[in-house]
């Protein structure tokens, strides 16, 4: 199982039955509430000018009609998780996290 698939499994395990989408295309009809995630620039550590460690970062968005969802606390409690911002669009609440995995 690849790293992204492992991260997907972690997100799906937070709340069984909760929809999780990776970079959904325009033809995908999402069901709410859901989690949408995509890759963000990662972090590379260097020694002697050569990369020796890379950590992938993901932008994870919790989308729901309700402003308070119990899964919010679970996302915030993940290791290396930061709540980046909140916004409302199309009458849906969006909580955006940056998570290294």
N, C-alpha and C. Protein backbone atom coordinates (compact mmCIF):
# COMPACT_ATOMS: atom_id res chain seq x y z
N UNK A 1 0.85 -1.18 0.00
CA UNK A 1 0.00 0.00 0.00
C UNK A 1 0.89 1.24 0.00
N UNK A 2 0.62 2.17 -0.91
CA UNK A 2 1.40 3.38 -1.01
C UNK A 2 1.09 4.36 0.12
N UNK A 3 1.92 5.38 0.23
CA UNK A 3 1.78 6.36 1.30
C UNK A 3 0.43 7.07 1.23
N UNK A 4 -0.01 7.47 0.05
CA UNK A 4 -1.29 8.17 -0.06
C UNK A 4 -2.44 7.26 0.34
N UNK A 5 -2.38 6.00 -0.05
CA UNK A 5 -3.43 5.06 0.32
C UNK A 5 -3.45 4.83 1.83
N UNK A 6 -2.28 4.85 2.46
CA UNK A 6 -2.22 4.75 3.92
C UNK A 6 -2.89 5.95 4.57
N UNK A 7 -2.63 7.13 4.03
CA UNK A 7 -3.25 8.35 4.56
C UNK A 7 -4.77 8.29 4.36
N UNK A 8 -5.22 7.82 3.21
CA UNK A 8 -6.65 7.67 2.95
C UNK A 8 -7.26 6.75 4.00
N UNK A 9 -6.59 5.65 4.32
CA UNK A 9 -7.11 4.70 5.32
C UNK A 9 -7.21 5.35 6.70
N UNK A 10 -6.24 6.20 7.04
CA UNK A 10 -6.29 6.92 8.31
C UNK A 10 -7.52 7.83 8.34
N UNK A 11 -7.75 8.57 7.27
CA UNK A 11 -8.90 9.47 7.21
C UNK A 11 -10.22 8.70 7.28
N UNK A 12 -10.30 7.58 6.57
CA UNK A 12 -11.53 6.78 6.57
C UNK A 12 -11.80 6.16 7.94
N UNK A 13 -10.74 5.87 8.69
CA UNK A 13 -10.90 5.25 10.01
C UNK A 13 -11.37 6.24 11.08
N UNK A 14 -11.25 7.53 10.81
CA UNK A 14 -11.68 8.54 11.79
C UNK A 14 -13.16 8.42 12.12
N UNK A 15 -13.95 8.15 11.11
CA UNK A 15 -15.39 7.98 11.29
C UNK A 15 -15.88 7.05 10.18
N UNK A 16 -16.06 5.77 10.51
CA UNK A 16 -16.49 4.81 9.48
C UNK A 16 -17.76 5.26 8.76
N UNK A 17 -17.76 5.08 7.45
CA UNK A 17 -18.90 5.47 6.63
C UNK A 17 -18.84 6.91 6.13
N UNK A 18 -17.91 7.71 6.67
CA UNK A 18 -17.75 9.09 6.24
C UNK A 18 -17.09 9.09 4.88
N UNK A 19 -17.60 9.86 3.93
CA UNK A 19 -17.05 9.91 2.57
C UNK A 19 -15.71 10.66 2.56
N UNK A 20 -14.72 10.07 1.88
CA UNK A 20 -13.39 10.67 1.75
C UNK A 20 -13.04 10.66 0.27
N UNK A 21 -12.70 11.84 -0.27
CA UNK A 21 -12.39 11.97 -1.69
C UNK A 21 -10.98 12.52 -1.87
N UNK A 22 -10.21 11.92 -2.78
CA UNK A 22 -8.89 12.43 -3.13
C UNK A 22 -9.00 13.16 -4.46
N UNK A 23 -8.73 14.45 -4.45
CA UNK A 23 -8.74 15.29 -5.64
C UNK A 23 -9.90 14.96 -6.58
N UNK A 24 -11.14 15.11 -6.11
CA UNK A 24 -12.27 14.74 -6.96
C UNK A 24 -12.36 15.62 -8.20
N UNK A 25 -12.62 15.00 -9.32
CA UNK A 25 -12.75 15.73 -10.57
C UNK A 25 -14.11 16.39 -10.69
N UNK A 26 -14.30 17.16 -11.74
CA UNK A 26 -15.55 17.90 -11.95
C UNK A 26 -16.73 16.97 -12.20
N UNK A 27 -16.47 15.74 -12.61
CA UNK A 27 -17.56 14.81 -12.90
C UNK A 27 -18.03 14.04 -11.66
N UNK A 28 -17.34 14.22 -10.55
CA UNK A 28 -17.68 13.52 -9.30
C UNK A 28 -18.75 14.31 -8.55
N UNK A 29 -19.82 13.64 -8.16
CA UNK A 29 -20.85 14.25 -7.32
C UNK A 29 -20.57 13.84 -5.89
N UNK A 30 -20.16 14.81 -5.08
CA UNK A 30 -19.81 14.50 -3.70
C UNK A 30 -21.05 14.47 -2.81
N UNK A 31 -20.99 13.61 -1.81
CA UNK A 31 -22.03 13.52 -0.79
C UNK A 31 -21.50 14.21 0.46
N UNK A 32 -22.34 15.02 1.09
CA UNK A 32 -21.94 15.76 2.28
C UNK A 32 -22.59 15.18 3.51
N UNK A 33 -21.93 15.19 4.65
CA UNK A 33 -20.60 15.72 4.90
C UNK A 33 -19.52 14.80 4.31
N UNK A 34 -18.35 15.39 4.08
CA UNK A 34 -17.26 14.61 3.52
C UNK A 34 -15.92 15.26 3.83
N UNK A 35 -14.88 14.52 3.49
CA UNK A 35 -13.51 15.03 3.55
C UNK A 35 -12.97 14.99 2.14
N UNK A 36 -12.37 16.09 1.71
CA UNK A 36 -11.69 16.17 0.42
C UNK A 36 -10.23 16.49 0.71
N UNK A 37 -9.32 15.76 0.09
CA UNK A 37 -7.91 16.06 0.33
C UNK A 37 -7.12 16.02 -0.96
N UNK A 38 -6.00 16.74 -0.91
CA UNK A 38 -5.10 16.80 -2.06
C UNK A 38 -3.68 16.99 -1.56
N UNK A 39 -2.74 16.69 -2.43
CA UNK A 39 -1.34 16.87 -2.04
C UNK A 39 -0.99 18.34 -2.04
N UNK A 40 -0.17 18.72 -1.09
CA UNK A 40 0.42 20.06 -1.00
C UNK A 40 1.93 19.87 -1.05
N UNK A 41 2.68 20.95 -1.22
CA UNK A 41 4.14 20.79 -1.19
C UNK A 41 4.58 20.16 0.13
N UNK A 42 5.49 19.22 0.04
CA UNK A 42 5.99 18.54 1.23
C UNK A 42 7.20 19.25 1.80
N UNK A 43 7.89 18.57 2.68
CA UNK A 43 9.07 19.12 3.35
C UNK A 43 10.23 18.16 3.17
N UNK A 44 11.34 18.67 2.66
CA UNK A 44 12.53 17.87 2.46
C UNK A 44 13.63 18.34 3.41
N UNK A 45 14.27 17.39 4.08
CA UNK A 45 15.42 17.68 4.95
C UNK A 45 16.67 17.30 4.18
N UNK A 46 17.70 18.14 4.31
CA UNK A 46 18.94 17.94 3.57
C UNK A 46 20.12 17.76 4.52
N UNK A 47 21.10 16.98 4.08
CA UNK A 47 22.38 16.84 4.76
C UNK A 47 23.45 16.79 3.68
N UNK A 48 24.47 17.62 3.82
CA UNK A 48 25.53 17.71 2.81
C UNK A 48 24.97 17.99 1.43
N UNK A 49 23.92 18.79 1.37
CA UNK A 49 23.33 19.19 0.11
C UNK A 49 22.47 18.13 -0.57
N UNK A 50 22.27 16.99 0.10
CA UNK A 50 21.49 15.92 -0.49
C UNK A 50 20.24 15.65 0.36
N UNK A 51 19.11 15.37 -0.30
CA UNK A 51 17.89 15.08 0.46
C UNK A 51 18.02 13.73 1.18
N UNK A 52 17.64 13.70 2.46
CA UNK A 52 17.66 12.43 3.18
C UNK A 52 16.30 12.08 3.79
N UNK A 53 15.39 13.05 3.82
CA UNK A 53 14.05 12.76 4.37
C UNK A 53 13.02 13.67 3.72
N UNK A 54 11.92 13.08 3.32
CA UNK A 54 10.83 13.84 2.72
C UNK A 54 9.53 13.49 3.43
N UNK A 55 8.76 14.50 3.79
CA UNK A 55 7.44 14.30 4.37
C UNK A 55 6.42 14.96 3.47
N UNK A 56 5.41 14.18 3.07
CA UNK A 56 4.35 14.71 2.21
C UNK A 56 3.36 15.48 3.06
N UNK A 57 2.92 16.62 2.55
CA UNK A 57 1.87 17.39 3.21
C UNK A 57 0.61 17.30 2.38
N UNK A 58 -0.52 17.23 3.07
CA UNK A 58 -1.82 17.18 2.41
C UNK A 58 -2.68 18.34 2.90
N UNK A 59 -3.47 18.88 2.01
CA UNK A 59 -4.52 19.84 2.38
C UNK A 59 -5.79 19.03 2.52
N UNK A 60 -6.37 19.03 3.71
CA UNK A 60 -7.54 18.22 4.02
C UNK A 60 -8.68 19.18 4.37
N UNK A 61 -9.80 19.06 3.67
CA UNK A 61 -10.94 19.95 3.89
C UNK A 61 -12.14 19.14 4.35
N UNK A 62 -12.66 19.50 5.51
CA UNK A 62 -13.90 18.93 6.03
C UNK A 62 -15.03 19.82 5.53
N UNK A 63 -15.97 19.24 4.80
CA UNK A 63 -17.07 20.01 4.21
C UNK A 63 -18.38 19.46 4.78
N UNK A 64 -19.21 20.35 5.34
CA UNK A 64 -20.49 19.91 5.90
C UNK A 64 -21.48 21.07 5.93
N UNK A 65 -22.73 20.72 6.07
CA UNK A 65 -23.77 21.73 6.21
C UNK A 65 -23.81 22.26 7.64
N UNK A 66 -23.35 21.45 8.61
CA UNK A 66 -23.32 21.84 10.01
C UNK A 66 -21.97 22.47 10.34
N UNK A 67 -21.96 23.54 11.12
CA UNK A 67 -20.68 24.17 11.45
C UNK A 67 -19.85 23.38 12.46
N UNK A 68 -20.49 22.55 13.27
CA UNK A 68 -19.78 21.78 14.29
C UNK A 68 -19.95 20.29 14.03
N UNK A 69 -18.86 19.64 13.67
CA UNK A 69 -18.87 18.20 13.41
C UNK A 69 -17.88 17.53 14.36
N UNK A 70 -18.24 16.40 14.96
CA UNK A 70 -17.31 15.71 15.87
C UNK A 70 -16.00 15.31 15.20
N UNK A 71 -16.03 15.06 13.90
CA UNK A 71 -14.81 14.64 13.21
C UNK A 71 -13.77 15.76 13.15
N UNK A 72 -14.22 17.01 13.34
CA UNK A 72 -13.29 18.14 13.37
C UNK A 72 -12.21 17.90 14.43
N UNK A 73 -12.62 17.51 15.63
CA UNK A 73 -11.66 17.27 16.72
C UNK A 73 -10.72 16.12 16.40
N UNK A 74 -11.22 15.11 15.69
CA UNK A 74 -10.38 13.98 15.30
C UNK A 74 -9.33 14.40 14.28
N UNK A 75 -9.72 15.25 13.33
CA UNK A 75 -8.74 15.75 12.35
C UNK A 75 -7.70 16.64 13.04
N UNK A 76 -8.16 17.49 13.96
CA UNK A 76 -7.25 18.38 14.67
C UNK A 76 -6.28 17.62 15.56
N UNK A 77 -6.67 16.42 16.01
CA UNK A 77 -5.83 15.63 16.91
C UNK A 77 -4.82 14.74 16.18
N UNK A 78 -4.91 14.67 14.86
CA UNK A 78 -3.93 13.86 14.12
C UNK A 78 -2.53 14.44 14.29
N UNK A 79 -1.50 13.58 14.32
CA UNK A 79 -0.14 14.09 14.42
C UNK A 79 0.18 15.04 13.25
N UNK A 80 0.88 16.10 13.54
CA UNK A 80 1.33 17.09 12.55
C UNK A 80 0.17 17.72 11.78
N UNK A 81 -0.96 17.93 12.47
CA UNK A 81 -2.15 18.55 11.88
C UNK A 81 -2.29 19.98 12.37
N UNK A 82 -2.58 20.88 11.46
CA UNK A 82 -2.80 22.29 11.77
C UNK A 82 -4.08 22.74 11.10
N UNK A 83 -4.97 23.37 11.89
CA UNK A 83 -6.19 23.92 11.30
C UNK A 83 -5.78 25.24 10.64
N UNK A 84 -5.87 25.30 9.32
CA UNK A 84 -5.37 26.44 8.56
C UNK A 84 -6.39 27.56 8.42
N UNK A 85 -7.66 27.19 8.16
CA UNK A 85 -8.66 28.24 7.95
C UNK A 85 -10.07 27.64 7.92
N UNK A 86 -11.05 28.53 7.98
CA UNK A 86 -12.46 28.17 7.89
C UNK A 86 -13.12 29.14 6.93
N UNK A 87 -14.03 28.63 6.09
CA UNK A 87 -14.81 29.53 5.24
C UNK A 87 -16.13 28.85 4.88
N UNK A 88 -17.08 29.66 4.45
CA UNK A 88 -18.38 29.17 4.01
C UNK A 88 -18.51 29.47 2.52
N UNK A 89 -18.92 28.47 1.75
CA UNK A 89 -19.17 28.63 0.31
C UNK A 89 -20.35 27.75 -0.07
N UNK A 90 -21.27 28.30 -0.84
CA UNK A 90 -22.46 27.56 -1.28
C UNK A 90 -23.23 26.97 -0.10
N UNK A 91 -23.27 27.74 0.99
CA UNK A 91 -23.98 27.34 2.21
C UNK A 91 -23.40 26.07 2.84
N UNK A 92 -22.12 25.79 2.57
CA UNK A 92 -21.41 24.66 3.16
C UNK A 92 -20.23 25.19 3.97
N UNK A 93 -20.00 24.60 5.13
CA UNK A 93 -18.88 24.97 5.99
C UNK A 93 -17.65 24.19 5.57
N UNK A 94 -16.52 24.88 5.45
CA UNK A 94 -15.27 24.26 5.05
C UNK A 94 -14.21 24.53 6.12
N UNK A 95 -13.68 23.48 6.72
CA UNK A 95 -12.55 23.58 7.64
C UNK A 95 -11.36 22.97 6.94
N UNK A 96 -10.32 23.75 6.77
CA UNK A 96 -9.14 23.32 6.01
C UNK A 96 -7.99 23.05 6.97
N UNK A 97 -7.40 21.87 6.84
CA UNK A 97 -6.26 21.47 7.66
C UNK A 97 -5.05 21.25 6.77
N UNK A 98 -3.87 21.47 7.31
CA UNK A 98 -2.62 21.07 6.69
C UNK A 98 -2.07 19.93 7.54
N UNK A 99 -1.85 18.79 6.92
CA UNK A 99 -1.40 17.60 7.67
C UNK A 99 -0.22 16.97 6.96
N UNK A 100 0.88 16.81 7.71
CA UNK A 100 2.04 16.05 7.19
C UNK A 100 1.83 14.59 7.50
N UNK A 101 2.18 13.75 6.52
CA UNK A 101 2.03 12.30 6.73
C UNK A 101 3.18 11.59 6.05
